[in-house]
Amino acid sequence: MPAITTTIDRDQRDGLYELVRNHLGGIEDFWIALERTRDFAKAEQLGLELSEDFRLLQDIGWGERVDCESFDLVMPASDLMELLGRLQREANVVLGGAQGGREDIETNSRFRAGYEACADVVADLAVRGGSQR
C-alpha cells in the first residue's frame, strides 16, 4: 500500500516545529533512563519518540526558519498520527499550565498553532484513510 502524503502550510509547520523542539529539549531524560537509572523500557520508549521527532524534522526542516511555503509529510500515516497525538497531548499540558505572563502568551501562541496543526493533519489523515493525496 502506498504511503499517504499530506501537505501542510508554513504556519502549521512552524507550530509543529515548536512542539518538536519542546519535546527534543527533554533529550536528557533518555540518557538518564539509559545510563543513570537503567530504566531500559523508558529509554526505549523515549528513543522511539525521539526518532519520530527526528523523522518529522526531515520533512519540515531542521532550522527555525525555512523558505518553503508548503511541506509534504511523508512519514507512514500510522506513525505520523501517533507522533501528532503525542505532540498534541504535550501541547495541551503546556497550554493548561501557562500563567499568562508576556513569555507565556508568546509560548501559548506557538503551542496553540502546533496543537491546531496536529488536529488538522490527524483529521485530514483520518478522512482520507488509505487514499493517497
N, C-alpha and C. Protein backbone atom coordinates (compact mmCIF):
# COMPACT_ATOMS: atom_id res chain seq x y z
N MET A 1 0.84 -1.18 0.00
CA MET A 1 0.00 0.00 0.00
C MET A 1 0.89 1.24 0.00
N PRO A 2 0.65 2.20 -0.90
CA PRO A 2 1.48 3.41 -0.93
C PRO A 2 1.26 4.26 0.32
N ALA A 3 2.28 4.98 0.68
CA ALA A 3 2.18 5.86 1.84
C ALA A 3 1.27 7.03 1.54
N ILE A 4 0.57 7.48 2.56
CA ILE A 4 -0.25 8.67 2.43
C ILE A 4 0.66 9.87 2.63
N THR A 5 0.55 10.82 1.75
CA THR A 5 1.30 12.06 1.89
C THR A 5 0.31 13.16 2.19
N THR A 6 0.63 13.98 3.15
CA THR A 6 -0.21 15.13 3.44
C THR A 6 0.67 16.37 3.39
N THR A 7 0.09 17.47 3.01
CA THR A 7 0.84 18.71 2.86
C THR A 7 0.35 19.71 3.89
N ILE A 8 1.29 20.39 4.52
CA ILE A 8 0.96 21.43 5.48
C ILE A 8 1.54 22.75 5.01
N ASP A 9 0.98 23.84 5.53
CA ASP A 9 1.48 25.16 5.16
C ASP A 9 2.53 25.63 6.16
N ARG A 10 3.08 26.78 5.91
CA ARG A 10 4.17 27.31 6.75
C ARG A 10 3.73 27.51 8.20
N ASP A 11 2.52 28.03 8.42
CA ASP A 11 2.07 28.24 9.80
C ASP A 11 1.93 26.92 10.55
N GLN A 12 1.39 25.92 9.88
CA GLN A 12 1.28 24.61 10.51
C GLN A 12 2.66 24.05 10.79
N ARG A 13 3.57 24.21 9.85
CA ARG A 13 4.94 23.74 10.03
C ARG A 13 5.58 24.40 11.24
N ASP A 14 5.42 25.72 11.35
CA ASP A 14 6.03 26.43 12.46
C ASP A 14 5.47 25.95 13.80
N GLY A 15 4.18 25.66 13.84
CA GLY A 15 3.58 25.14 15.06
C GLY A 15 4.11 23.76 15.42
N LEU A 16 4.20 22.88 14.42
CA LEU A 16 4.75 21.54 14.66
C LEU A 16 6.22 21.62 15.07
N TYR A 17 6.94 22.52 14.44
CA TYR A 17 8.36 22.69 14.75
C TYR A 17 8.53 23.09 16.22
N GLU A 18 7.69 23.97 16.71
CA GLU A 18 7.75 24.40 18.11
C GLU A 18 7.51 23.21 19.05
N LEU A 19 6.54 22.39 18.73
CA LEU A 19 6.24 21.24 19.58
C LEU A 19 7.37 20.22 19.56
N VAL A 20 7.94 19.98 18.40
CA VAL A 20 9.06 19.02 18.30
C VAL A 20 10.26 19.55 19.06
N ARG A 21 10.56 20.83 18.92
CA ARG A 21 11.70 21.40 19.66
C ARG A 21 11.49 21.28 21.16
N ASN A 22 10.26 21.51 21.60
CA ASN A 22 9.97 21.39 23.01
C ASN A 22 10.24 19.96 23.49
N HIS A 23 9.77 18.98 22.73
CA HIS A 23 9.98 17.59 23.13
C HIS A 23 11.46 17.22 23.10
N LEU A 24 12.17 17.67 22.08
CA LEU A 24 13.60 17.36 22.00
C LEU A 24 14.40 18.00 23.13
N GLY A 25 13.85 19.05 23.74
CA GLY A 25 14.51 19.67 24.89
C GLY A 25 14.65 18.71 26.06
N GLY A 26 13.85 17.65 26.07
CA GLY A 26 13.92 16.66 27.13
C GLY A 26 14.80 15.47 26.80
N ILE A 27 15.69 15.63 25.83
CA ILE A 27 16.53 14.52 25.39
C ILE A 27 17.39 13.97 26.54
N GLU A 28 17.67 14.79 27.52
CA GLU A 28 18.45 14.34 28.67
C GLU A 28 17.73 13.20 29.40
N ASP A 29 16.40 13.20 29.37
CA ASP A 29 15.63 12.13 30.02
C ASP A 29 16.00 10.77 29.45
N PHE A 30 16.28 10.73 28.14
CA PHE A 30 16.70 9.48 27.51
C PHE A 30 18.00 8.97 28.14
N TRP A 31 18.97 9.86 28.27
CA TRP A 31 20.27 9.46 28.81
C TRP A 31 20.16 9.08 30.28
N ILE A 32 19.32 9.77 31.02
CA ILE A 32 19.12 9.42 32.43
C ILE A 32 18.54 8.01 32.54
N ALA A 33 17.50 7.74 31.73
CA ALA A 33 16.87 6.42 31.76
C ALA A 33 17.85 5.34 31.33
N LEU A 34 18.65 5.61 30.33
CA LEU A 34 19.56 4.61 29.80
C LEU A 34 20.77 4.37 30.71
N GLU A 35 21.37 5.45 31.16
CA GLU A 35 22.65 5.33 31.87
C GLU A 35 22.52 5.40 33.40
N ARG A 36 21.76 6.33 33.90
CA ARG A 36 21.75 6.54 35.34
C ARG A 36 20.79 5.58 36.05
N THR A 37 19.54 5.53 35.59
CA THR A 37 18.55 4.71 36.28
C THR A 37 18.42 3.31 35.69
N ARG A 38 19.01 3.11 34.51
CA ARG A 38 18.94 1.81 33.83
C ARG A 38 17.50 1.35 33.62
N ASP A 39 16.62 2.31 33.36
CA ASP A 39 15.23 2.01 33.05
C ASP A 39 15.14 1.84 31.54
N PHE A 40 15.45 0.63 31.09
CA PHE A 40 15.58 0.38 29.66
C PHE A 40 14.25 0.46 28.93
N ALA A 41 13.16 0.13 29.59
CA ALA A 41 11.84 0.26 28.95
C ALA A 41 11.55 1.73 28.67
N LYS A 42 11.84 2.58 29.64
CA LYS A 42 11.62 4.02 29.44
C LYS A 42 12.57 4.56 28.38
N ALA A 43 13.82 4.13 28.41
CA ALA A 43 14.80 4.57 27.41
C ALA A 43 14.33 4.16 26.01
N GLU A 44 13.81 2.95 25.89
CA GLU A 44 13.33 2.50 24.59
C GLU A 44 12.17 3.36 24.10
N GLN A 45 11.21 3.63 25.00
CA GLN A 45 10.06 4.47 24.63
C GLN A 45 10.51 5.86 24.21
N LEU A 46 11.38 6.47 25.00
CA LEU A 46 11.89 7.79 24.66
C LEU A 46 12.67 7.76 23.36
N GLY A 47 13.44 6.71 23.14
CA GLY A 47 14.19 6.57 21.89
C GLY A 47 13.27 6.53 20.69
N LEU A 48 12.17 5.80 20.81
CA LEU A 48 11.19 5.74 19.72
C LEU A 48 10.58 7.11 19.46
N GLU A 49 10.24 7.81 20.54
CA GLU A 49 9.66 9.14 20.39
C GLU A 49 10.64 10.10 19.74
N LEU A 50 11.89 10.06 20.18
CA LEU A 50 12.90 10.95 19.61
C LEU A 50 13.13 10.63 18.13
N SER A 51 13.12 9.36 17.78
CA SER A 51 13.31 9.01 16.37
C SER A 51 12.15 9.53 15.53
N GLU A 52 10.93 9.51 16.07
CA GLU A 52 9.78 10.10 15.36
C GLU A 52 9.98 11.60 15.17
N ASP A 53 10.46 12.26 16.22
CA ASP A 53 10.73 13.70 16.14
C ASP A 53 11.74 13.99 15.04
N PHE A 54 12.84 13.24 15.03
CA PHE A 54 13.88 13.44 14.02
C PHE A 54 13.33 13.19 12.62
N ARG A 55 12.49 12.18 12.50
CA ARG A 55 11.89 11.86 11.20
C ARG A 55 11.01 13.00 10.72
N LEU A 56 10.21 13.59 11.61
CA LEU A 56 9.38 14.72 11.22
C LEU A 56 10.24 15.91 10.79
N LEU A 57 11.34 16.13 11.49
CA LEU A 57 12.23 17.23 11.11
C LEU A 57 12.79 17.06 9.71
N GLN A 58 12.94 15.82 9.26
CA GLN A 58 13.39 15.60 7.88
C GLN A 58 12.38 16.17 6.89
N ASP A 59 11.10 16.10 7.23
CA ASP A 59 10.05 16.61 6.34
C ASP A 59 9.85 18.12 6.46
N ILE A 60 10.00 18.66 7.67
CA ILE A 60 9.67 20.08 7.86
C ILE A 60 10.89 20.98 7.98
N GLY A 61 12.05 20.40 8.02
CA GLY A 61 13.28 21.19 8.10
C GLY A 61 13.79 21.29 9.53
N TRP A 62 15.10 21.38 9.63
CA TRP A 62 15.75 21.42 10.94
C TRP A 62 15.91 22.83 11.48
N GLY A 63 15.91 23.81 10.61
CA GLY A 63 16.13 25.19 11.04
C GLY A 63 14.86 25.86 11.53
N GLU A 64 15.06 26.90 12.31
CA GLU A 64 13.91 27.64 12.84
C GLU A 64 13.11 28.30 11.72
N ARG A 65 13.81 28.82 10.75
CA ARG A 65 13.17 29.48 9.61
C ARG A 65 13.53 28.73 8.33
N VAL A 66 12.53 28.56 7.49
CA VAL A 66 12.73 27.91 6.20
C VAL A 66 12.02 28.74 5.13
N ASP A 67 12.44 28.58 3.89
CA ASP A 67 11.91 29.39 2.80
C ASP A 67 10.69 28.80 2.11
N CYS A 68 10.35 27.57 2.41
CA CYS A 68 9.23 26.90 1.73
C CYS A 68 7.89 27.41 2.25
N GLU A 69 6.90 27.34 1.37
CA GLU A 69 5.53 27.72 1.75
C GLU A 69 4.69 26.51 2.12
N SER A 70 5.10 25.32 1.63
CA SER A 70 4.36 24.10 1.96
C SER A 70 5.35 22.97 2.18
N PHE A 71 4.90 21.97 2.91
CA PHE A 71 5.76 20.87 3.33
C PHE A 71 4.99 19.57 3.20
N ASP A 72 5.58 18.61 2.52
CA ASP A 72 4.97 17.29 2.40
C ASP A 72 5.44 16.42 3.55
N LEU A 73 4.47 15.87 4.27
CA LEU A 73 4.78 14.94 5.35
C LEU A 73 4.64 13.54 4.77
N VAL A 74 5.73 12.82 4.70
CA VAL A 74 5.73 11.53 4.03
C VAL A 74 5.97 10.35 4.98
N MET A 75 5.92 10.61 6.27
CA MET A 75 6.01 9.52 7.24
C MET A 75 4.82 8.59 7.02
N PRO A 76 4.96 7.31 7.34
CA PRO A 76 3.78 6.44 7.30
C PRO A 76 2.66 7.03 8.16
N ALA A 77 1.44 6.97 7.64
CA ALA A 77 0.30 7.62 8.29
C ALA A 77 0.14 7.20 9.75
N SER A 78 0.29 5.92 10.04
CA SER A 78 0.10 5.46 11.42
C SER A 78 1.16 6.06 12.34
N ASP A 79 2.41 6.13 11.88
CA ASP A 79 3.47 6.74 12.68
C ASP A 79 3.22 8.23 12.87
N LEU A 80 2.81 8.90 11.80
CA LEU A 80 2.54 10.33 11.86
C LEU A 80 1.39 10.63 12.82
N MET A 81 0.34 9.84 12.75
CA MET A 81 -0.81 10.06 13.64
C MET A 81 -0.42 9.84 15.10
N GLU A 82 0.40 8.83 15.36
CA GLU A 82 0.87 8.59 16.72
C GLU A 82 1.72 9.75 17.22
N LEU A 83 2.64 10.20 16.38
CA LEU A 83 3.51 11.34 16.73
C LEU A 83 2.69 12.59 17.00
N LEU A 84 1.75 12.89 16.12
CA LEU A 84 0.95 14.11 16.27
C LEU A 84 0.06 14.03 17.51
N GLY A 85 -0.46 12.85 17.81
CA GLY A 85 -1.25 12.69 19.03
C GLY A 85 -0.42 12.99 20.27
N ARG A 86 0.82 12.47 20.28
CA ARG A 86 1.71 12.73 21.41
C ARG A 86 2.04 14.21 21.53
N LEU A 87 2.39 14.83 20.41
CA LEU A 87 2.73 16.25 20.44
C LEU A 87 1.53 17.10 20.87
N GLN A 88 0.35 16.70 20.44
CA GLN A 88 -0.85 17.44 20.81
C GLN A 88 -1.12 17.32 22.32
N ARG A 89 -0.93 16.14 22.88
CA ARG A 89 -1.12 15.95 24.32
C ARG A 89 -0.11 16.79 25.11
N GLU A 90 1.14 16.81 24.63
CA GLU A 90 2.16 17.61 25.30
C GLU A 90 1.85 19.10 25.22
N ALA A 91 1.35 19.54 24.07
CA ALA A 91 0.97 20.95 23.92
C ALA A 91 -0.16 21.30 24.88
N ASN A 92 -1.09 20.39 25.03
CA ASN A 92 -2.23 20.62 25.92
C ASN A 92 -1.77 20.82 27.37
N VAL A 93 -0.75 20.06 27.78
CA VAL A 93 -0.20 20.21 29.13
C VAL A 93 0.41 21.60 29.29
N VAL A 94 1.20 22.02 28.31
CA VAL A 94 1.82 23.35 28.38
C VAL A 94 0.76 24.44 28.39
N LEU A 95 -0.23 24.31 27.52
CA LEU A 95 -1.29 25.32 27.44
C LEU A 95 -2.10 25.37 28.73
N GLY A 96 -2.29 24.24 29.37
CA GLY A 96 -3.05 24.20 30.62
C GLY A 96 -2.30 24.77 31.80
N GLY A 97 -0.97 24.82 31.73
CA GLY A 97 -0.17 25.30 32.86
C GLY A 97 0.36 26.70 32.71
N ALA A 98 0.01 27.38 31.62
CA ALA A 98 0.54 28.73 31.39
C ALA A 98 -0.03 29.70 32.41
N GLN A 99 0.80 30.67 32.81
CA GLN A 99 0.42 31.63 33.84
C GLN A 99 -0.10 32.95 33.29
N GLY A 100 0.14 33.26 32.04
CA GLY A 100 -0.40 34.49 31.47
C GLY A 100 0.58 35.65 31.35
N GLY A 101 1.85 35.45 31.71
CA GLY A 101 2.84 36.49 31.52
C GLY A 101 3.17 36.67 30.05
N ARG A 102 3.95 37.71 29.74
CA ARG A 102 4.30 38.00 28.35
C ARG A 102 4.93 36.80 27.65
N GLU A 103 5.89 36.17 28.32
CA GLU A 103 6.54 35.00 27.73
C GLU A 103 5.54 33.86 27.54
N ASP A 104 4.64 33.67 28.50
CA ASP A 104 3.63 32.62 28.37
C ASP A 104 2.68 32.89 27.21
N ILE A 105 2.35 34.15 26.97
CA ILE A 105 1.45 34.49 25.86
C ILE A 105 2.10 34.11 24.53
N GLU A 106 3.38 34.43 24.37
CA GLU A 106 4.10 34.08 23.15
C GLU A 106 4.23 32.56 23.01
N THR A 107 4.57 31.90 24.10
CA THR A 107 4.68 30.43 24.07
C THR A 107 3.32 29.81 23.76
N ASN A 108 2.28 30.31 24.41
CA ASN A 108 0.94 29.78 24.17
C ASN A 108 0.55 29.91 22.71
N SER A 109 0.88 31.02 22.11
CA SER A 109 0.54 31.23 20.70
C SER A 109 1.20 30.18 19.81
N ARG A 110 2.47 29.93 20.05
CA ARG A 110 3.20 28.93 19.26
C ARG A 110 2.68 27.52 19.54
N PHE A 111 2.42 27.24 20.80
CA PHE A 111 1.92 25.91 21.14
C PHE A 111 0.50 25.70 20.63
N ARG A 112 -0.32 26.75 20.66
CA ARG A 112 -1.68 26.63 20.13
C ARG A 112 -1.64 26.35 18.63
N ALA A 113 -0.72 27.02 17.91
CA ALA A 113 -0.58 26.76 16.47
C ALA A 113 -0.17 25.31 16.24
N GLY A 114 0.74 24.79 17.06
CA GLY A 114 1.15 23.40 16.94
C GLY A 114 0.02 22.44 17.27
N TYR A 115 -0.72 22.75 18.31
CA TYR A 115 -1.86 21.92 18.72
C TYR A 115 -2.88 21.84 17.59
N GLU A 116 -3.19 22.99 17.01
CA GLU A 116 -4.16 23.03 15.91
C GLU A 116 -3.64 22.34 14.66
N ALA A 117 -2.34 22.46 14.38
CA ALA A 117 -1.76 21.77 13.23
C ALA A 117 -1.88 20.26 13.41
N CYS A 118 -1.62 19.78 14.62
CA CYS A 118 -1.76 18.34 14.90
C CYS A 118 -3.19 17.90 14.61
N ALA A 119 -4.15 18.66 15.13
CA ALA A 119 -5.56 18.31 14.94
C ALA A 119 -5.93 18.31 13.46
N ASP A 120 -5.48 19.31 12.73
CA ASP A 120 -5.80 19.41 11.30
C ASP A 120 -5.24 18.24 10.50
N VAL A 121 -3.99 17.90 10.75
CA VAL A 121 -3.35 16.82 9.98
C VAL A 121 -3.97 15.48 10.35
N VAL A 122 -4.21 15.24 11.63
CA VAL A 122 -4.83 13.98 12.04
C VAL A 122 -6.22 13.85 11.41
N ALA A 123 -6.99 14.94 11.41
CA ALA A 123 -8.33 14.91 10.80
C ALA A 123 -8.22 14.63 9.31
N ASP A 124 -7.26 15.27 8.64
CA ASP A 124 -7.06 15.05 7.21
C ASP A 124 -6.72 13.60 6.92
N LEU A 125 -5.82 13.04 7.70
CA LEU A 125 -5.42 11.65 7.50
C LEU A 125 -6.58 10.69 7.80
N ALA A 126 -7.35 11.00 8.81
CA ALA A 126 -8.48 10.13 9.17
C ALA A 126 -9.54 10.13 8.07
N VAL A 127 -9.80 11.29 7.49
CA VAL A 127 -10.81 11.39 6.43
C VAL A 127 -10.36 10.63 5.20
N ARG A 128 -9.09 10.77 4.85
CA ARG A 128 -8.58 10.15 3.63
C ARG A 128 -8.28 8.67 3.81
N GLY A 129 -8.10 8.24 5.03
CA GLY A 129 -7.83 6.83 5.29
C GLY A 129 -6.69 6.31 4.45
N GLY A 130 -6.95 5.32 3.63
CA GLY A 130 -5.90 4.69 2.84
C GLY A 130 -5.66 5.33 1.50
N SER A 131 -6.34 6.44 1.17
CA SER A 131 -6.13 7.06 -0.14
C SER A 131 -4.87 7.90 -0.13
N GLN A 132 -4.34 8.14 -1.29
CA GLN A 132 -3.12 8.94 -1.40
C GLN A 132 -3.49 10.29 -1.97
N ARG A 133 -2.90 11.35 -1.43
CA ARG A 133 -3.17 12.72 -1.89
C ARG A 133 -2.32 13.02 -3.07
